[in-house]
Protein backbone atom coordinates (compact mmCIF):
# COMPACT_ATOMS: atom_id res chain seq x y z
CA UNK A 1 0.00 0.00 0.00
CA UNK A 2 1.16 3.57 -0.56
CA UNK A 3 3.02 5.61 2.04
CA UNK A 4 0.21 8.14 2.18
CA UNK A 5 -2.27 5.52 3.40
CA UNK A 6 -0.26 3.42 5.81
CA UNK A 7 2.59 3.67 8.23
CA UNK A 8 5.71 2.55 6.35
CA UNK A 9 7.82 -0.23 7.83
CA UNK A 10 10.93 1.97 7.86
CA UNK A 11 9.44 4.80 9.91
CA UNK A 12 7.66 2.30 12.18
CA UNK A 13 11.02 0.69 12.88
CA UNK A 14 12.57 4.10 13.66
CA UNK A 15 9.72 4.96 16.05
CA UNK A 16 9.94 1.59 17.78
CA UNK A 17 13.72 1.88 18.20
CA UNK A 18 13.40 5.34 19.73
CA UNK A 19 10.56 4.11 21.96
CA UNK A 20 12.59 1.10 23.06
CA UNK A 21 15.58 3.29 23.96
CA UNK A 22 13.30 5.62 25.94
CA UNK A 23 11.71 2.72 27.75
CA UNK A 24 14.94 0.89 28.59
CA UNK A 25 16.98 3.96 29.61
CA UNK A 26 14.12 5.38 31.64
CA UNK A 27 13.42 2.03 33.24
CA UNK A 28 17.08 1.57 34.24
CA UNK A 29 17.21 5.05 35.81
CA UNK A 30 14.04 4.33 37.75
CA UNK A 31 15.35 0.97 38.98
CA UNK A 32 18.51 2.74 40.14
CA UNK A 33 16.34 4.97 42.34
CA UNK A 34 16.95 8.14 40.36
CA UNK A 35 13.31 9.14 39.96
CA UNK A 36 13.76 12.44 41.82
CA UNK A 37 17.51 12.81 41.37
CA UNK A 38 17.36 15.21 38.41
CA UNK A 39 14.59 17.26 40.03
CA UNK A 40 16.73 17.81 43.13
CA UNK A 41 19.85 18.62 41.08
CA UNK A 42 18.13 21.64 39.51
CA UNK A 43 15.79 22.54 42.39
CA UNK A 44 16.12 26.20 43.36
CA UNK A 45 18.37 27.12 40.42
CA UNK A 46 16.76 30.24 38.97
CA UNK A 47 18.85 30.21 35.77
CA UNK A 48 17.92 26.70 34.67
CA UNK A 49 14.34 27.24 35.85
CA UNK A 50 13.96 30.36 33.68
CA UNK A 51 15.48 28.73 30.59
CA UNK A 52 13.54 25.48 30.81
CA UNK A 53 10.33 27.20 31.89
CA UNK A 54 10.46 29.00 28.54
CA UNK A 55 10.99 25.67 26.75
CA UNK A 56 8.18 24.11 28.77
CA UNK A 57 5.88 26.94 27.69
CA UNK A 58 5.90 25.46 24.16
CA UNK A 59 3.41 22.95 25.52
CA UNK A 60 0.94 25.58 26.76
CA UNK A 61 -2.43 25.96 25.03
CA UNK A 62 -1.83 29.36 23.41
CA UNK A 63 1.43 28.20 21.77
CA UNK A 64 -0.20 25.01 20.51
CA UNK A 65 -3.14 27.00 19.14
CA UNK A 66 -0.82 29.36 17.25
CA UNK A 67 1.11 26.39 15.86
CA UNK A 68 -2.06 24.74 14.56
CA UNK A 69 -3.25 28.05 13.12
CA UNK A 70 0.07 28.62 11.34
CA UNK A 71 -0.06 25.15 9.78
CA UNK A 72 -3.56 25.83 8.48
CA UNK A 73 -2.74 29.30 7.16
CA UNK A 74 0.53 28.64 5.34
CA UNK A 75 1.05 24.87 4.97
CA UNK A 76 -2.00 22.64 4.60
CA UNK A 77 -5.47 22.76 6.11
CA UNK A 78 -5.83 18.98 6.35
CA UNK A 79 -2.45 18.51 8.00
CA UNK A 80 -3.27 21.28 10.47
CA UNK A 81 -6.51 19.45 11.23
CA UNK A 82 -4.62 16.21 11.78
CA UNK A 83 -2.13 17.82 14.16
CA UNK A 84 -5.11 19.26 16.03
CA UNK A 85 -6.76 15.84 16.20
CA UNK A 86 -3.53 14.24 17.40
CA UNK A 87 -2.95 16.90 20.06
CA UNK A 88 -6.50 16.92 21.42
CA UNK A 89 -6.89 13.15 21.22
CA UNK A 90 -3.66 12.73 23.20
CA UNK A 91 -4.84 15.43 25.64
CA UNK A 92 -8.05 13.49 26.27
CA UNK A 93 -6.27 10.14 26.75
CA UNK A 94 -3.75 11.79 29.06
CA UNK A 95 -6.58 13.14 31.18
CA UNK A 96 -8.15 9.70 31.46
CA UNK A 97 -4.80 8.17 32.45
CA UNK A 98 -4.15 10.85 35.07
CA UNK A 99 -7.59 10.37 36.59
CA UNK A 100 -6.99 6.60 36.70
CA UNK A 101 -3.51 6.68 38.26
CA UNK A 102 -4.02 9.82 40.42
CA UNK A 103 -0.29 10.06 40.99
CA UNK A 104 0.80 13.16 42.97
CA UNK A 105 3.36 15.54 41.54
CA UNK A 106 6.89 15.57 42.99
CA UNK A 107 7.81 17.66 46.05
CA UNK A 108 9.80 19.99 43.77
CA UNK A 109 6.62 21.20 42.08
CA UNK A 110 5.90 24.85 42.91
CA UNK A 111 3.19 25.96 40.50
CA UNK A 112 1.35 23.19 38.63
CA UNK A 113 -1.86 21.61 39.93
CA UNK A 114 -3.40 18.20 39.35
CA UNK A 115 -1.88 14.76 38.98
CA UNK A 116 1.56 13.93 37.63
CA UNK A 117 1.59 10.60 35.80
CA UNK A 118 1.84 10.55 32.86
CA UNK A 119 3.24 13.97 31.96
CA UNK A 120 0.78 15.71 29.63
CA UNK A 121 3.39 18.01 28.12
CA UNK A 122 5.62 15.02 27.31
CA UNK A 123 2.82 12.88 25.89
CA UNK A 124 1.37 15.72 23.83
CA UNK A 125 4.85 16.67 22.58
CA UNK A 126 5.15 13.20 21.06
CA UNK A 127 1.66 13.49 19.56
CA UNK A 128 2.35 16.90 17.99
CA UNK A 129 6.05 17.08 17.19
CA UNK A 130 6.18 13.37 16.44
CA UNK A 131 3.51 13.86 13.79
CA UNK A 132 5.42 16.87 12.47
CA UNK A 133 8.56 14.73 12.32
CA UNK A 134 6.66 12.03 10.43
CA UNK A 135 5.42 14.64 7.92
CA UNK A 136 9.00 15.86 7.48
CA UNK A 137 10.09 12.27 6.92
CA UNK A 138 7.52 11.91 4.12
CA UNK A 139 8.79 15.15 2.59
CA UNK A 140 12.39 13.84 2.86
CA UNK A 141 13.43 16.75 5.11
CA UNK A 142 15.84 15.09 7.53
CA UNK A 143 16.80 18.35 9.27
CA UNK A 144 13.24 19.11 10.35
CA UNK A 145 12.59 15.44 11.05
CA UNK A 146 15.28 15.29 13.74
CA UNK A 147 14.75 18.87 14.90
CA UNK A 148 11.16 18.01 15.85
CA UNK A 149 12.37 14.91 17.70
CA UNK A 150 14.78 17.13 19.66
CA UNK A 151 11.80 19.36 20.55
CA UNK A 152 10.08 16.34 22.09
CA UNK A 153 13.03 15.60 24.37
CA UNK A 154 13.55 19.25 25.30
CA UNK A 155 9.93 19.60 26.38
CA UNK A 156 10.04 16.37 28.39
CA UNK A 157 13.35 17.28 30.06
CA UNK A 158 12.07 20.77 30.82
CA UNK A 159 9.24 19.36 32.92
CA UNK A 160 11.80 17.67 35.18
CA UNK A 161 14.16 20.65 35.35
CA UNK A 162 11.38 23.04 36.43
CA UNK A 163 10.30 20.45 39.00
CA UNK A 164 6.68 19.85 38.02
CA UNK A 165 7.21 16.21 36.96
CA UNK A 166 9.58 13.47 38.04
CA UNK A 167 11.38 11.05 35.75
CA UNK A 168 8.59 8.48 35.98
CA UNK A 169 5.99 11.02 34.81
CA UNK A 170 8.00 12.00 31.72
CA UNK A 171 8.92 8.36 31.02
CA UNK A 172 5.21 7.49 31.08
CA UNK A 173 4.35 10.47 28.90
CA UNK A 174 6.81 9.39 26.22
CA UNK A 175 5.56 5.79 26.44
CA UNK A 176 1.84 6.55 26.06
CA UNK A 177 2.54 9.32 23.57
CA UNK A 178 4.40 6.92 21.29
CA UNK A 179 1.58 4.37 21.42
CA UNK A 180 -0.94 7.08 20.59
CA UNK A 181 1.20 8.47 17.75
CA UNK A 182 1.67 5.09 16.06
CA UNK A 183 -2.05 4.34 16.28
CA UNK A 184 -2.94 7.79 14.97
CA UNK A 185 -0.55 7.63 12.02
CA UNK A 186 -1.88 4.21 11.08
CA UNK A 187 -5.63 4.72 11.58
CA UNK A 188 -6.11 8.36 10.52
CA UNK A 189 -5.75 7.69 6.76
CA UNK A 190 -8.01 4.63 7.02
CA UNK A 191 -10.65 6.60 8.94
CA UNK A 192 -10.47 9.53 6.51
CA UNK A 193 -10.90 7.14 3.60
CA UNK A 194 -13.98 5.57 5.22
CA UNK A 195 -15.42 9.02 5.96
CA UNK A 196 -15.43 9.88 2.23
CA UNK A 197 -18.33 7.48 1.74
CA UNK A 198 -20.51 9.41 4.22
CA UNK A 199 -22.65 12.37 3.20
CA UNK A 200 -22.08 15.84 4.60
CA UNK A 201 -24.96 15.73 7.09
CA UNK A 202 -23.84 12.41 8.57
CA UNK A 203 -20.29 13.66 9.00
CA UNK A 204 -21.55 16.89 10.59
CA UNK A 205 -23.72 14.96 13.06
CA UNK A 206 -20.81 12.69 13.98
CA UNK A 207 -18.57 15.75 14.41
CA UNK A 208 -20.99 17.01 17.04
CA UNK A 209 -22.02 13.76 18.73
CA UNK A 210 -18.58 12.15 19.21
CA UNK A 211 -16.91 15.04 21.13
CA UNK A 212 -20.03 15.51 23.29
CA UNK A 213 -20.08 11.77 24.00
CA UNK A 214 -16.38 11.85 24.92
CA UNK A 215 -16.97 14.75 27.32
CA UNK A 216 -20.02 13.08 28.86
CA UNK A 217 -18.19 9.80 29.41
CA UNK A 218 -15.24 11.52 31.10
CA UNK A 219 -17.48 13.59 33.40
CA UNK A 220 -19.61 10.57 34.37
CA UNK A 221 -16.61 8.33 35.12
CA UNK A 222 -14.65 11.08 36.89
CA UNK A 223 -17.28 13.46 38.36
CA UNK A 224 -14.77 15.22 40.64
CA UNK A 225 -12.06 15.61 37.99
CA UNK A 226 -10.01 18.79 37.82
CA UNK A 227 -8.75 17.99 34.32
CA UNK A 228 -9.83 20.08 31.33
CA UNK A 229 -11.90 17.66 29.26
CA UNK A 230 -13.96 20.61 28.05
CA UNK A 231 -10.94 22.07 26.26
CA UNK A 232 -10.03 18.97 24.26
CA UNK A 233 -13.61 17.91 23.44
CA UNK A 234 -14.71 21.41 22.47
CA UNK A 235 -11.60 21.83 20.34
CA UNK A 236 -12.22 18.50 18.64
CA UNK A 237 -15.76 19.50 17.73
CA UNK A 238 -14.62 22.89 16.45
CA UNK A 239 -11.91 21.38 14.25
CA UNK A 240 -14.13 18.54 12.98
CA UNK A 241 -17.16 20.66 12.12
CA UNK A 242 -15.04 23.55 10.91
CA UNK A 243 -12.99 21.37 8.59
CA UNK A 244 -16.14 19.96 6.99
CA UNK A 245 -17.46 23.44 6.28
CA UNK A 246 -14.07 24.72 5.14
CA UNK A 247 -13.54 21.92 2.61
CA UNK A 248 -17.09 22.20 1.24
CA UNK A 249 -17.66 25.96 1.18
CA UNK A 250 -14.31 27.78 1.48
CA UNK A 251 -11.61 25.49 0.02
CA UNK A 252 -8.66 27.58 1.11
CA UNK A 253 -5.38 26.25 -0.26
CA UNK A 254 -2.16 27.94 0.94
CA UNK A 255 -0.10 25.87 -1.50
CA UNK A 256 -1.17 28.10 -4.39
CA UNK A 257 0.19 31.22 -2.67
CA UNK A 258 3.65 32.68 -3.08
CA UNK A 259 5.88 33.34 -0.07
CA UNK A 260 4.85 36.99 0.26
CA UNK A 261 1.16 36.07 0.26
CA UNK A 262 1.78 33.33 2.83
CA UNK A 263 3.61 35.78 5.07
CA UNK A 264 0.73 38.27 4.88
CA UNK A 265 -1.78 35.54 5.68
CA UNK A 266 0.35 34.27 8.56
CA UNK A 267 0.61 37.69 10.19
CA UNK A 268 -3.08 38.51 9.73
CA UNK A 269 -4.15 35.03 10.77
CA UNK A 270 -2.07 34.87 13.95
CA UNK A 271 -3.20 38.34 15.00
CA UNK A 272 -6.85 37.37 14.51
CA UNK A 273 -6.28 34.09 16.35
CA UNK A 274 -4.84 35.99 19.31
CA UNK A 275 -7.75 38.43 19.24
CA UNK A 276 -10.26 35.56 19.30
CA UNK A 277 -8.34 33.77 22.06
CA UNK A 278 -8.12 36.75 24.40
CA UNK A 279 -11.68 37.87 23.64
CA UNK A 280 -12.99 34.43 24.60
CA UNK A 281 -10.67 34.42 27.64
CA UNK A 282 -12.14 37.69 28.91
CA UNK A 283 -14.71 35.61 30.75
CA UNK A 284 -12.85 33.21 33.01
CA UNK A 285 -14.49 30.02 34.25
CA UNK A 286 -13.38 26.45 34.89
CA UNK A 287 -16.91 25.15 34.32
CA UNK A 288 -16.56 22.38 31.72
CA UNK A 289 -19.49 23.62 29.62
CA UNK A 290 -17.87 27.02 29.18
CA UNK A 291 -14.46 25.48 28.46
CA UNK A 292 -16.09 23.27 25.84
CA UNK A 293 -17.86 26.27 24.28
CA UNK A 294 -14.77 28.48 24.35
CA UNK A 295 -12.48 26.07 22.55
CA UNK A 296 -15.19 24.97 20.14
CA UNK A 297 -15.66 28.57 19.05
CA UNK A 298 -11.94 29.27 18.88
CA UNK A 299 -11.14 26.17 16.78
CA UNK A 300 -14.16 26.74 14.54
CA UNK A 301 -13.26 30.38 13.85
CA UNK A 302 -9.59 29.58 13.14
CA UNK A 303 -10.39 26.87 10.61
CA UNK A 304 -13.35 28.59 8.90
CA UNK A 305 -13.63 32.36 9.34
CA UNK A 306 -9.95 33.25 8.99
CA UNK A 307 -9.39 31.13 5.82
CA UNK A 308 -12.60 32.65 4.41
CA UNK A 309 -11.15 36.13 5.03
CA UNK A 310 -7.98 35.07 3.19
CA UNK A 311 -10.01 34.08 0.12
CA UNK A 312 -11.50 37.58 0.03
CA UNK A 313 -8.15 39.37 0.05
CA UNK A 314 -7.32 40.75 -3.38
CA UNK A 315 -4.01 39.47 -4.73
CA UNK A 316 -1.61 41.21 -7.11
Foldseek 3Di string as FASTA:
>chain_A
DDVQQAPDPVVVVVLVVVLVVLLVVLVVCVVVVCFQVLLVVQQPPPVLLVVLVVLLCCLDDLNLLLVLLLCVLANNLVVSLLLLCLLLVQLLVQLVVQLVVVAPWDPSDDDDDGHQAAPSSLLSLCSRLVSVLVVCVVVVNNVSNVVSVVSSVSNLVSCSNNRGHTSRNNSRSNNVSSVSNNVSRGCVSVVVVVCVVDDLVVQLVCLPPVLVVSVVVVCVVPVPDLRQSLQSSLLSSLSSNLQSCCVVPPNQDNVVDDPVLSVVLSVVLSVVLVVLLVVLPVDDDSPSVSNSVSNSVSSNCSSHVSSNVSVVDDDD
